[in-house]
Amino acid sequence: MGTDRRVVEPHLDWNEQAPFLKLVVDQDRVRALGMTPQDIAQSLSMLISGLPITTVRDGIEKVEVVARAVPSERLDLAHIGDLALYARNGVAVPLSQIAHVEYAHEEPIL
């Protein structure tokens, strides 16, 4: 793009920062529960984005069944700390007990 004369300043420079969330994990609490940061990442990915668990046939079509949290839990970022993660011993732990969410702004990359 830099060599094309028709493109003028391809980088967006409006000085408008984009909001983002940063999850800060309390490593000591996580280790005490026998969990790892990878366990947290996988659990949150499953709860928010979903994880395919099976495929069901509907006539001649295959429909993928995805497991994830209900929309009222996963779409409300103000209550993300209420999401329940499960430790390896099966105990449910609210995310707010092992991590906290920091709200901030950053320069967007286009």
PDB file of N, CA and C in Angstrom:
ATOM      1  N   MET A   1       0.819  -1.192   0.000  1.00  0.00           N
ATOM      2  CA  MET A   1       0.000   0.000   0.000  1.00  0.00           C
ATOM      3  C   MET A   1       0.862   1.254   0.000  1.00  0.00           C
ATOM      4  N   GLY A   2       2.031   1.170   0.572  1.00  0.00           N
ATOM      5  CA  GLY A   2       2.882   2.344   0.657  1.00  0.00           C
ATOM      6  C   GLY A   2       3.365   2.843  -0.687  1.00  0.00           C
ATOM      7  N   THR A   3       3.393   1.970  -1.686  1.00  0.00           N
ATOM      8  CA  THR A   3       3.870   2.382  -3.002  1.00  0.00           C
ATOM      9  C   THR A   3       2.746   2.871  -3.912  1.00  0.00           C
ATOM     10  N   ASP A   4       1.526   2.675  -3.534  1.00  0.00           N
ATOM     11  CA  ASP A   4       0.376   3.112  -4.344  1.00  0.00           C
ATOM     12  C   ASP A   4       0.126   4.598  -4.110  1.00  0.00           C
ATOM     13  N   ARG A   5       0.174   5.386  -5.167  1.00  0.00           N
ATOM     14  CA  ARG A   5      -0.002   6.839  -5.036  1.00  0.00           C
ATOM     15  C   ARG A   5      -1.407   7.229  -4.612  1.00  0.00           C
ATOM     16  N   ARG A   6      -2.364   6.356  -4.850  1.00  0.00           N
ATOM     17  CA  ARG A   6      -3.759   6.675  -4.512  1.00  0.00           C
ATOM     18  C   ARG A   6      -4.057   6.552  -3.021  1.00  0.00           C
ATOM     19  N   VAL A   7      -3.195   5.845  -2.299  1.00  0.00           N
ATOM     20  CA  VAL A   7      -3.403   5.653  -0.866  1.00  0.00           C
ATOM     21  C   VAL A   7      -2.655   6.753  -0.119  1.00  0.00           C
ATOM     22  N   VAL A   8      -3.398   7.527   0.646  1.00  0.00           N
ATOM     23  CA  VAL A   8      -2.808   8.620   1.415  1.00  0.00           C
ATOM     24  C   VAL A   8      -2.987   8.321   2.892  1.00  0.00           C
ATOM     25  N   GLU A   9      -1.905   8.265   3.631  1.00  0.00           N
ATOM     26  CA  GLU A   9      -1.904   8.005   5.063  1.00  0.00           C
ATOM     27  C   GLU A   9      -2.801   6.826   5.420  1.00  0.00           C
ATOM     28  N   PRO A  10      -2.351   5.594   5.170  1.00  0.00           N
ATOM     29  CA  PRO A  10      -3.198   4.425   5.425  1.00  0.00           C
ATOM     30  C   PRO A  10      -3.461   4.152   6.899  1.00  0.00           C
ATOM     31  N   HIS A  11      -2.731   4.798   7.788  1.00  0.00           N
ATOM     32  CA  HIS A  11      -2.942   4.595   9.221  1.00  0.00           C
ATOM     33  C   HIS A  11      -3.976   5.588   9.735  1.00  0.00           C
ATOM     34  N   LEU A  12      -4.904   5.080  10.500  1.00  0.00           N
ATOM     35  CA  LEU A  12      -5.951   5.919  11.069  1.00  0.00           C
ATOM     36  C   LEU A  12      -5.352   6.744  12.202  1.00  0.00           C
ATOM     37  N   ASP A  13      -5.454   8.046  12.128  1.00  0.00           N
ATOM     38  CA  ASP A  13      -4.826   8.908  13.118  1.00  0.00           C
ATOM     39  C   ASP A  13      -5.853   9.905  13.656  1.00  0.00           C
ATOM     40  N   TRP A  14      -6.873   9.393  14.331  1.00  0.00           N
ATOM     41  CA  TRP A  14      -7.906  10.258  14.876  1.00  0.00           C
ATOM     42  C   TRP A  14      -7.730  10.496  16.359  1.00  0.00           C
ATOM     43  N   ASN A  15      -6.736   9.893  16.947  1.00  0.00           N
ATOM     44  CA  ASN A  15      -6.492   9.992  18.391  1.00  0.00           C
ATOM     45  C   ASN A  15      -7.673   9.509  19.225  1.00  0.00           C
ATOM     46  N   GLU A  16      -8.440   8.586  18.664  1.00  0.00           N
ATOM     47  CA  GLU A  16      -9.533   7.984  19.411  1.00  0.00           C
ATOM     48  C   GLU A  16      -9.070   6.627  19.907  1.00  0.00           C
ATOM     49  N   GLN A  17      -8.997   6.473  21.199  1.00  0.00           N
ATOM     50  CA  GLN A  17      -8.548   5.209  21.757  1.00  0.00           C
ATOM     51  C   GLN A  17      -9.712   4.231  21.858  1.00  0.00           C
ATOM     52  N   ALA A  18      -9.386   2.975  21.712  1.00  0.00           N
ATOM     53  CA  ALA A  18     -10.398   1.920  21.780  1.00  0.00           C
ATOM     54  C   ALA A  18     -10.380   1.286  23.178  1.00  0.00           C
ATOM     55  N   PRO A  19     -11.545   1.009  23.745  1.00  0.00           N
ATOM     56  CA  PRO A  19     -11.571   0.364  25.054  1.00  0.00           C
ATOM     57  C   PRO A  19     -11.171  -1.102  24.939  1.00  0.00           C
ATOM     58  N   PHE A  20     -10.545  -1.623  26.000  1.00  0.00           N
ATOM     59  CA  PHE A  20     -10.216  -3.033  26.045  1.00  0.00           C
ATOM     60  C   PHE A  20     -10.235  -3.520  27.484  1.00  0.00           C
ATOM     61  N   LEU A  21     -10.351  -4.811  27.639  1.00  0.00           N
ATOM     62  CA  LEU A  21     -10.349  -5.441  28.954  1.00  0.00           C
ATOM     63  C   LEU A  21      -9.072  -6.240  29.113  1.00  0.00           C
ATOM     64  N   LYS A  22      -8.500  -6.174  30.282  1.00  0.00           N
ATOM     65  CA  LYS A  22      -7.299  -6.953  30.583  1.00  0.00           C
ATOM     66  C   LYS A  22      -7.591  -7.762  31.839  1.00  0.00           C
ATOM     67  N   LEU A  23      -7.387  -9.055  31.744  1.00  0.00           N
ATOM     68  CA  LEU A  23      -7.623  -9.939  32.879  1.00  0.00           C
ATOM     69  C   LEU A  23      -6.309 -10.134  33.618  1.00  0.00           C
ATOM     70  N   VAL A  24      -6.263  -9.721  34.884  1.00  0.00           N
ATOM     71  CA  VAL A  24      -5.066  -9.865  35.700  1.00  0.00           C
ATOM     72  C   VAL A  24      -5.307 -11.019  36.670  1.00  0.00           C
ATOM     73  N   VAL A  25      -4.558 -12.096  36.481  1.00  0.00           N
ATOM     74  CA  VAL A  25      -4.749 -13.326  37.245  1.00  0.00           C
ATOM     75  C   VAL A  25      -3.877 -13.314  38.493  1.00  0.00           C
ATOM     76  N   ASP A  26      -4.461 -13.697  39.625  1.00  0.00           N
ATOM     77  CA  ASP A  26      -3.719 -13.852  40.877  1.00  0.00           C
ATOM     78  C   ASP A  26      -3.088 -15.249  40.857  1.00  0.00           C
ATOM     79  N   GLN A  27      -1.820 -15.303  40.497  1.00  0.00           N
ATOM     80  CA  GLN A  27      -1.134 -16.573  40.302  1.00  0.00           C
ATOM     81  C   GLN A  27      -1.136 -17.452  41.552  1.00  0.00           C
ATOM     82  N   ASP A  28      -1.001 -16.855  42.722  1.00  0.00           N
ATOM     83  CA  ASP A  28      -0.976 -17.641  43.959  1.00  0.00           C
ATOM     84  C   ASP A  28      -2.308 -18.338  44.211  1.00  0.00           C
ATOM     85  N   ARG A  29      -3.402 -17.628  44.024  1.00  0.00           N
ATOM     86  CA  ARG A  29      -4.719 -18.241  44.227  1.00  0.00           C
ATOM     87  C   ARG A  29      -4.991 -19.335  43.202  1.00  0.00           C
ATOM     88  N   VAL A  30      -4.581 -19.084  41.973  1.00  0.00           N
ATOM     89  CA  VAL A  30      -4.792 -20.058  40.912  1.00  0.00           C
ATOM     90  C   VAL A  30      -4.027 -21.342  41.220  1.00  0.00           C
ATOM     91  N   ARG A  31      -2.773 -21.198  41.639  1.00  0.00           N
ATOM     92  CA  ARG A  31      -1.970 -22.382  41.987  1.00  0.00           C
ATOM     93  C   ARG A  31      -2.538 -23.113  43.192  1.00  0.00           C
ATOM     94  N   ALA A  32      -3.066 -22.364  44.154  1.00  0.00           N
ATOM     95  CA  ALA A  32      -3.650 -22.994  45.346  1.00  0.00           C
ATOM     96  C   ALA A  32      -4.857 -23.853  44.983  1.00  0.00           C
ATOM     97  N   LEU A  33      -5.545 -23.509  43.911  1.00  0.00           N
ATOM     98  CA  LEU A  33      -6.692 -24.294  43.456  1.00  0.00           C
ATOM     99  C   LEU A  33      -6.290 -25.415  42.502  1.00  0.00           C
ATOM    100  N   GLY A  34      -4.986 -25.487  42.203  1.00  0.00           N
ATOM    101  CA  GLY A  34      -4.511 -26.518  41.291  1.00  0.00           C
ATOM    102  C   GLY A  34      -4.802 -26.201  39.841  1.00  0.00           C
ATOM    103  N   MET A  35      -4.960 -24.910  39.532  1.00  0.00           N
ATOM    104  CA  MET A  35      -5.266 -24.484  38.162  1.00  0.00           C
ATOM    105  C   MET A  35      -4.058 -23.796  37.549  1.00  0.00           C
ATOM    106  N   THR A  36      -4.119 -23.603  36.253  1.00  0.00           N
ATOM    107  CA  THR A  36      -3.094 -22.855  35.542  1.00  0.00           C
ATOM    108  C   THR A  36      -3.763 -21.733  34.757  1.00  0.00           C
ATOM    109  N   PRO A  37      -3.000 -20.733  34.330  1.00  0.00           N
ATOM    110  CA  PRO A  37      -3.587 -19.691  33.484  1.00  0.00           C
ATOM    111  C   PRO A  37      -4.186 -20.261  32.197  1.00  0.00           C
ATOM    112  N   GLN A  38      -3.623 -21.340  31.691  1.00  0.00           N
ATOM    113  CA  GLN A  38      -4.167 -21.980  30.497  1.00  0.00           C
ATOM    114  C   GLN A  38      -5.553 -22.555  30.780  1.00  0.00           C
ATOM    115  N   ASP A  39      -5.747 -23.118  31.986  1.00  0.00           N
ATOM    116  CA  ASP A  39      -7.069 -23.622  32.370  1.00  0.00           C
ATOM    117  C   ASP A  39      -8.094 -22.488  32.356  1.00  0.00           C
ATOM    118  N   ILE A  40      -7.698 -21.341  32.870  1.00  0.00           N
ATOM    119  CA  ILE A  40      -8.592 -20.185  32.910  1.00  0.00           C
ATOM    120  C   ILE A  40      -8.918 -19.726  31.488  1.00  0.00           C
ATOM    121  N   ALA A  41      -7.891 -19.646  30.652  1.00  0.00           N
ATOM    122  CA  ALA A  41      -8.103 -19.214  29.264  1.00  0.00           C
ATOM    123  C   ALA A  41      -9.042 -20.159  28.530  1.00  0.00           C
ATOM    124  N   GLN A  42      -8.860 -21.458  28.696  1.00  0.00           N
ATOM    125  CA  GLN A  42      -9.717 -22.428  28.027  1.00  0.00           C
ATOM    126  C   GLN A  42     -11.148 -22.351  28.540  1.00  0.00           C
ATOM    127  N   SER A  43     -11.313 -22.208  29.853  1.00  0.00           N
ATOM    128  CA  SER A  43     -12.655 -22.117  30.428  1.00  0.00           C
ATOM    129  C   SER A  43     -13.375 -20.865  29.956  1.00  0.00           C
ATOM    130  N   LEU A  44     -12.682 -19.736  29.955  1.00  0.00           N
ATOM    131  CA  LEU A  44     -13.298 -18.489  29.500  1.00  0.00           C
ATOM    132  C   LEU A  44     -13.629 -18.549  28.012  1.00  0.00           C
ATOM    133  N   SER A  45     -12.760 -19.147  27.234  1.00  0.00           N
ATOM    134  CA  SER A  45     -13.027 -19.299  25.806  1.00  0.00           C
ATOM    135  C   SER A  45     -14.287 -20.128  25.588  1.00  0.00           C
ATOM    136  N   MET A  46     -14.425 -21.202  26.350  1.00  0.00           N
ATOM    137  CA  MET A  46     -15.615 -22.054  26.226  1.00  0.00           C
ATOM    138  C   MET A  46     -16.868 -21.299  26.673  1.00  0.00           C
ATOM    139  N   LEU A  47     -16.794 -20.573  27.786  1.00  0.00           N
ATOM    140  CA  LEU A  47     -17.961 -19.865  28.301  1.00  0.00           C
ATOM    141  C   LEU A  47     -18.397 -18.716  27.394  1.00  0.00           C
ATOM    142  N   ILE A  48     -17.447 -17.988  26.835  1.00  0.00           N
ATOM    143  CA  ILE A  48     -17.780 -16.795  26.066  1.00  0.00           C
ATOM    144  C   ILE A  48     -17.976 -17.103  24.580  1.00  0.00           C
ATOM    145  N   SER A  49     -17.025 -17.784  23.973  1.00  0.00           N
ATOM    146  CA  SER A  49     -17.097 -18.059  22.533  1.00  0.00           C
ATOM    147  C   SER A  49     -17.813 -19.359  22.217  1.00  0.00           C
ATOM    148  N   GLY A  50     -17.684 -20.314  23.094  1.00  0.00           N
ATOM    149  CA  GLY A  50     -18.317 -21.604  22.875  1.00  0.00           C
ATOM    150  C   GLY A  50     -17.333 -22.650  22.400  1.00  0.00           C
ATOM    151  N   LEU A  51     -17.734 -23.897  22.559  1.00  0.00           N
ATOM    152  CA  LEU A  51     -16.910 -25.034  22.179  1.00  0.00           C
ATOM    153  C   LEU A  51     -17.819 -26.078  21.553  1.00  0.00           C
ATOM    154  N   PRO A  52     -17.514 -26.503  20.337  1.00  0.00           N
ATOM    155  CA  PRO A  52     -18.348 -27.531  19.709  1.00  0.00           C
ATOM    156  C   PRO A  52     -18.260 -28.841  20.503  1.00  0.00           C
ATOM    157  N   ILE A  53     -19.418 -29.405  20.846  1.00  0.00           N
ATOM    158  CA  ILE A  53     -19.397 -30.638  21.636  1.00  0.00           C
ATOM    159  C   ILE A  53     -19.902 -31.842  20.868  1.00  0.00           C
ATOM    160  N   THR A  54     -20.742 -31.618  19.876  1.00  0.00           N
ATOM    161  CA  THR A  54     -21.242 -32.725  19.067  1.00  0.00           C
ATOM    162  C   THR A  54     -21.884 -32.178  17.812  1.00  0.00           C
ATOM    163  N   THR A  55     -22.284 -33.081  16.944  1.00  0.00           N
ATOM    164  CA  THR A  55     -22.993 -32.717  15.720  1.00  0.00           C
ATOM    165  C   THR A  55     -24.281 -33.521  15.664  1.00  0.00           C
ATOM    166  N   VAL A  56     -25.379 -32.851  15.330  1.00  0.00           N
ATOM    167  CA  VAL A  56     -26.689 -33.487  15.247  1.00  0.00           C
ATOM    168  C   VAL A  56     -27.151 -33.409  13.801  1.00  0.00           C
ATOM    169  N   ARG A  57     -27.755 -34.467  13.328  1.00  0.00           N
ATOM    170  CA  ARG A  57     -28.265 -34.490  11.962  1.00  0.00           C
ATOM    171  C   ARG A  57     -29.707 -33.995  11.968  1.00  0.00           C
ATOM    172  N   ASP A  58     -29.981 -33.000  11.125  1.00  0.00           N
ATOM    173  CA  ASP A  58     -31.323 -32.455  10.952  1.00  0.00           C
ATOM    174  C   ASP A  58     -31.701 -32.684   9.495  1.00  0.00           C
ATOM    175  N   GLY A  59     -32.383 -33.784   9.237  1.00  0.00           N
ATOM    176  CA  GLY A  59     -32.682 -34.156   7.855  1.00  0.00           C
ATOM    177  C   GLY A  59     -31.395 -34.561   7.159  1.00  0.00           C
ATOM    178  N   ILE A  60     -31.027 -33.781   6.139  1.00  0.00           N
ATOM    179  CA  ILE A  60     -29.788 -34.089   5.432  1.00  0.00           C
ATOM    180  C   ILE A  60     -28.640 -33.170   5.856  1.00  0.00           C
ATOM    181  N   GLU A  61     -28.936 -32.223   6.755  1.00  0.00           N
ATOM    182  CA  GLU A  61     -27.912 -31.277   7.207  1.00  0.00           C
ATOM    183  C   GLU A  61     -27.351 -31.689   8.556  1.00  0.00           C
ATOM    184  N   LYS A  62     -26.078 -31.367   8.750  1.00  0.00           N
ATOM    185  CA  LYS A  62     -25.441 -31.566  10.048  1.00  0.00           C
ATOM    186  C   LYS A  62     -25.427 -30.221  10.775  1.00  0.00           C
ATOM    187  N   VAL A  63     -25.855 -30.227  12.024  1.00  0.00           N
ATOM    188  CA  VAL A  63     -25.886 -29.017  12.837  1.00  0.00           C
ATOM    189  C   VAL A  63     -24.930 -29.217  14.005  1.00  0.00           C
ATOM    190  N   GLU A  64     -23.986 -28.296  14.144  1.00  0.00           N
ATOM    191  CA  GLU A  64     -23.013 -28.379  15.223  1.00  0.00           C
ATOM    192  C   GLU A  64     -23.622 -27.827  16.508  1.00  0.00           C
ATOM    193  N   VAL A  65     -23.488 -28.553  17.599  1.00  0.00           N
ATOM    194  CA  VAL A  65     -23.980 -28.121  18.902  1.00  0.00           C
ATOM    195  C   VAL A  65     -22.808 -27.500  19.656  1.00  0.00           C
ATOM    196  N   VAL A  66     -23.007 -26.263  20.087  1.00  0.00           N
ATOM    197  CA  VAL A  66     -21.955 -25.511  20.762  1.00  0.00           C
ATOM    198  C   VAL A  66     -22.363 -25.271  22.211  1.00  0.00           C
ATOM    199  N   ALA A  67     -21.459 -25.562  23.144  1.00  0.00           N
ATOM    200  CA  ALA A  67     -21.707 -25.310  24.563  1.00  0.00           C
ATOM    201  C   ALA A  67     -21.077 -23.972  24.938  1.00  0.00           C
ATOM    202  N   ARG A  68     -21.866 -23.093  25.541  1.00  0.00           N
ATOM    203  CA  ARG A  68     -21.372 -21.815  26.028  1.00  0.00           C
ATOM    204  C   ARG A  68     -22.356 -21.266  27.040  1.00  0.00           C
ATOM    205  N   ALA A  69     -21.955 -20.233  27.736  1.00  0.00           N
ATOM    206  CA  ALA A  69     -22.814 -19.627  28.747  1.00  0.00           C
ATOM    207  C   ALA A  69     -23.997 -18.938  28.071  1.00  0.00           C
ATOM    208  N   VAL A  70     -25.069 -18.784  28.811  1.00  0.00           N
ATOM    209  CA  VAL A  70     -26.252 -18.107  28.273  1.00  0.00           C
ATOM    210  C   VAL A  70     -25.905 -16.643  27.981  1.00  0.00           C
ATOM    211  N   PRO A  71     -26.579 -16.024  27.012  1.00  0.00           N
ATOM    212  CA  PRO A  71     -26.233 -14.649  26.618  1.00  0.00           C
ATOM    213  C   PRO A  71     -26.224 -13.647  27.766  1.00  0.00           C
ATOM    214  N   SER A  72     -27.132 -13.785  28.721  1.00  0.00           N
ATOM    215  CA  SER A  72     -27.176 -12.816  29.825  1.00  0.00           C
ATOM    216  C   SER A  72     -25.908 -12.863  30.670  1.00  0.00           C
ATOM    217  N   GLU A  73     -25.221 -14.014  30.689  1.00  0.00           N
ATOM    218  CA  GLU A  73     -23.982 -14.126  31.463  1.00  0.00           C
ATOM    219  C   GLU A  73     -22.749 -13.746  30.649  1.00  0.00           C
ATOM    220  N   ARG A  74     -22.701 -14.136  29.394  1.00  0.00           N
ATOM    221  CA  ARG A  74     -21.478 -13.955  28.620  1.00  0.00           C
ATOM    222  C   ARG A  74     -21.389 -12.620  27.894  1.00  0.00           C
ATOM    223  N   LEU A  75     -22.505 -11.933  27.683  1.00  0.00           N
ATOM    224  CA  LEU A  75     -22.478 -10.696  26.925  1.00  0.00           C
ATOM    225  C   LEU A  75     -22.411  -9.450  27.791  1.00  0.00           C
ATOM    226  N   ASP A  76     -22.621  -9.575  29.077  1.00  0.00           N
ATOM    227  CA  ASP A  76     -22.588  -8.428  29.985  1.00  0.00           C
ATOM    228  C   ASP A  76     -21.204  -8.335  30.615  1.00  0.00           C
ATOM    229  N   LEU A  77     -20.358  -7.463  30.071  1.00  0.00           N
ATOM    230  CA  LEU A  77     -18.984  -7.362  30.548  1.00  0.00           C
ATOM    231  C   LEU A  77     -18.891  -6.835  31.975  1.00  0.00           C
ATOM    232  N   ALA A  78     -19.910  -6.159  32.447  1.00  0.00           N
ATOM    233  CA  ALA A  78     -19.883  -5.658  33.821  1.00  0.00           C
ATOM    234  C   ALA A  78     -19.938  -6.807  34.826  1.00  0.00           C
ATOM    235  N   HIS A  79     -20.450  -7.966  34.402  1.00  0.00           N
ATOM    236  CA  HIS A  79     -20.584  -9.111  35.311  1.00  0.00           C
ATOM    237  C   HIS A  79     -19.675 -10.271  34.922  1.00  0.00           C
ATOM    238  N   ILE A  80     -18.593  -9.984  34.212  1.00  0.00           N
ATOM    239  CA  ILE A  80     -17.701 -11.046  33.773  1.00  0.00           C
ATOM    240  C   ILE A  80     -17.048 -11.750  34.960  1.00  0.00           C
ATOM    241  N   GLY A  81     -16.888 -11.048  36.058  1.00  0.00           N
ATOM    242  CA  GLY A  81     -16.308 -11.653  37.258  1.00  0.00           C
ATOM    243  C   GLY A  81     -17.198 -12.688  37.901  1.00  0.00           C
ATOM    244  N   ASP A  82     -18.475 -12.709  37.538  1.00  0.00           N
ATOM    245  CA  ASP A  82     -19.419 -13.684  38.099  1.00  0.00           C
ATOM    246  C   ASP A  82     -19.371 -15.036  37.385  1.00  0.00           C
ATOM    247  N   LEU A  83     -18.672 -15.117  36.255  1.00  0.00           N
ATOM    248  CA  LEU A  83     -18.579 -16.389  35.535  1.00  0.00           C
ATOM    249  C   LEU A  83     -17.907 -17.434  36.422  1.00  0.00           C
ATOM    250  N   ALA A  84     -18.471 -18.615  36.466  1.00  0.00           N
ATOM    251  CA  ALA A  84     -17.945 -19.692  37.308  1.00  0.00           C
ATOM    252  C   ALA A  84     -16.990 -20.566  36.517  1.00  0.00           C
ATOM    253  N   LEU A  85     -15.779 -20.693  37.020  1.00  0.00           N
ATOM    254  CA  LEU A  85     -14.792 -21.604  36.464  1.00  0.00           C
ATOM    255  C   LEU A  85     -14.685 -22.785  37.409  1.00  0.00           C
ATOM    256  N   TYR A  86     -14.289 -23.927  36.894  1.00  0.00           N
ATOM    257  CA  TYR A  86     -14.196 -25.124  37.733  1.00  0.00           C
ATOM    258  C   TYR A  86     -12.747 -25.528  37.923  1.00  0.00           C
ATOM    259  N   ALA A  87     -12.370 -25.682  39.190  1.00  0.00           N
ATOM    260  CA  ALA A  87     -11.028 -26.158  39.520  1.00  0.00           C
ATOM    261  C   ALA A  87     -10.941 -27.638  39.175  1.00  0.00           C
ATOM    262  N   ARG A  88      -9.757 -28.175  39.217  1.00  0.00           N
ATOM    263  CA  ARG A  88      -9.570 -29.582  38.841  1.00  0.00           C
ATOM    264  C   ARG A  88     -10.270 -30.550  39.788  1.00  0.00           C
ATOM    265  N   ASN A  89     -10.544 -30.102  41.018  1.00  0.00           N
ATOM    266  CA  ASN A  89     -11.262 -30.973  41.954  1.00  0.00           C
ATOM    267  C   ASN A  89     -12.779 -30.831  41.826  1.00  0.00           C
ATOM    268  N   GLY A  90     -13.249 -30.048  40.837  1.00  0.00           N
ATOM    269  CA  GLY A  90     -14.673 -29.913  40.575  1.00  0.00           C
ATOM    270  C   GLY A  90     -15.356 -28.781  41.311  1.00  0.00           C
ATOM    271  N   VAL A  91     -14.620 -28.012  42.086  1.00  0.00           N
ATOM    272  CA  VAL A  91     -15.200 -26.901  42.844  1.00  0.00           C
ATOM    273  C   VAL A  91     -15.382 -25.697  41.928  1.00  0.00           C
ATOM    274  N   ALA A  92     -16.578 -25.109  41.958  1.00  0.00           N
ATOM    275  CA  ALA A  92     -16.862 -23.913  41.161  1.00  0.00           C
ATOM    276  C   ALA A  92     -16.250 -22.692  41.831  1.00  0.00           C
ATOM    277  N   VAL A  93     -15.515 -21.904  41.053  1.00  0.00           N
ATOM    278  CA  VAL A  93     -14.848 -20.712  41.572  1.00  0.00           C
ATOM    279  C   VAL A  93     -15.234 -19.530  40.695  1.00  0.00           C
ATOM    280  N   PRO A  94     -15.800 -18.468  41.283  1.00  0.00           N
ATOM    281  CA  PRO A  94     -16.096 -17.280  40.470  1.00  0.00           C
ATOM    282  C   PRO A  94     -14.791 -16.659  39.966  1.00  0.00           C
ATOM    283  N   LEU A  95     -14.809 -16.164  38.757  1.00  0.00           N
ATOM    284  CA  LEU A  95     -13.618 -15.554  38.173  1.00  0.00           C
ATOM    285  C   LEU A  95     -13.091 -14.418  39.039  1.00  0.00           C
ATOM    286  N   SER A  96     -13.986 -13.686  39.697  1.00  0.00           N
ATOM    287  CA  SER A  96     -13.569 -12.557  40.533  1.00  0.00           C
ATOM    288  C   SER A  96     -12.727 -12.990  41.732  1.00  0.00           C
ATOM    289  N   GLN A  97     -12.753 -14.280  42.098  1.00  0.00           N
ATOM    290  CA  GLN A  97     -11.953 -14.777  43.227  1.00  0.00           C
ATOM    291  C   GLN A  97     -10.506 -15.060  42.839  1.00  0.00           C
ATOM    292  N   ILE A  98     -10.238 -15.243  41.546  1.00  0.00           N
ATOM    293  CA  ILE A  98      -8.877 -15.590  41.128  1.00  0.00           C
ATOM    294  C   ILE A  98      -8.266 -14.571  40.164  1.00  0.00           C
ATOM    295  N   ALA A  99      -9.052 -13.582  39.764  1.00  0.00           N
ATOM    296  CA  ALA A  99      -8.549 -12.570  38.827  1.00  0.00           C
ATOM    297  C   ALA A  99      -9.412 -11.331  38.925  1.00  0.00           C
ATOM    298  N   HIS A 100      -8.890 -10.240  38.429  1.00  0.00           N
ATOM    299  CA  HIS A 100      -9.710  -9.039  38.319  1.00  0.00           C
ATOM    300  C   HIS A 100      -9.536  -8.435  36.927  1.00  0.00           C
ATOM    301  N   VAL A 101     -10.562  -7.745  36.511  1.00  0.00           N
ATOM    302  CA  VAL A 101     -10.600  -7.164  35.174  1.00  0.00           C
ATOM    303  C   VAL A 101     -10.217  -5.700  35.266  1.00  0.00           C
ATOM    304  N   GLU A 102      -9.280  -5.304  34.425  1.00  0.00           N
ATOM    305  CA  GLU A 102      -8.898  -3.900  34.331  1.00  0.00           C
ATOM    306  C   GLU A 102      -9.470  -3.343  33.030  1.00  0.00           C
ATOM    307  N   TYR A 103     -10.158  -2.226  33.149  1.00  0.00           N
ATOM    308  CA  TYR A 103     -10.702  -1.545  31.983  1.00  0.00           C
ATOM    309  C   TYR A 103      -9.733  -0.431  31.614  1.00  0.00           C
ATOM    310  N   ALA A 104      -9.381  -0.353  30.341  1.00  0.00           N
ATOM    311  CA  ALA A 104      -8.442   0.674  29.903  1.00  0.00           C
ATOM    312  C   ALA A 104      -8.723   1.008  28.439  1.00  0.00           C
ATOM    313  N   HIS A 105      -7.942   1.916  27.925  1.00  0.00           N
ATOM    314  CA  HIS A 105      -8.026   2.314  26.511  1.00  0.00           C
ATOM    315  C   HIS A 105      -6.656   2.167  25.877  1.00  0.00           C
ATOM    316  N   GLU A 106      -6.656   1.833  24.589  1.00  0.00           N
ATOM    317  CA  GLU A 106      -5.400   1.689  23.869  1.00  0.00           C
ATOM    318  C   GLU A 106      -5.549   2.269  22.466  1.00  0.00           C
ATOM    319  N   GLU A 107      -4.416   2.496  21.838  1.00  0.00           N
ATOM    320  CA  GLU A 107      -4.438   2.973  20.464  1.00  0.00           C
ATOM    321  C   GLU A 107      -4.877   1.820  19.571  1.00  0.00           C
ATOM    322  N   PRO A 108      -5.905   2.033  18.752  1.00  0.00           N
ATOM    323  CA  PRO A 108      -6.334   0.957  17.870  1.00  0.00           C
ATOM    324  C   PRO A 108      -5.327   0.757  16.733  1.00  0.00           C
ATOM    325  N   ILE A 109      -5.212  -0.479  16.290  1.00  0.00           N
ATOM    326  CA  ILE A 109      -4.351  -0.797  15.158  1.00  0.00           C
ATOM    327  C   ILE A 109      -5.272  -1.133  13.998  1.00  0.00           C
ATOM    328  N   LEU A 110      -5.050  -0.470  12.899  1.00  0.00           N
ATOM    329  CA  LEU A 110      -5.896  -0.678  11.730  1.00  0.00           C
ATOM    330  C   LEU A 110      -5.117  -1.410  10.664  1.00  0.00           C
TER     331      LEU A 110
END
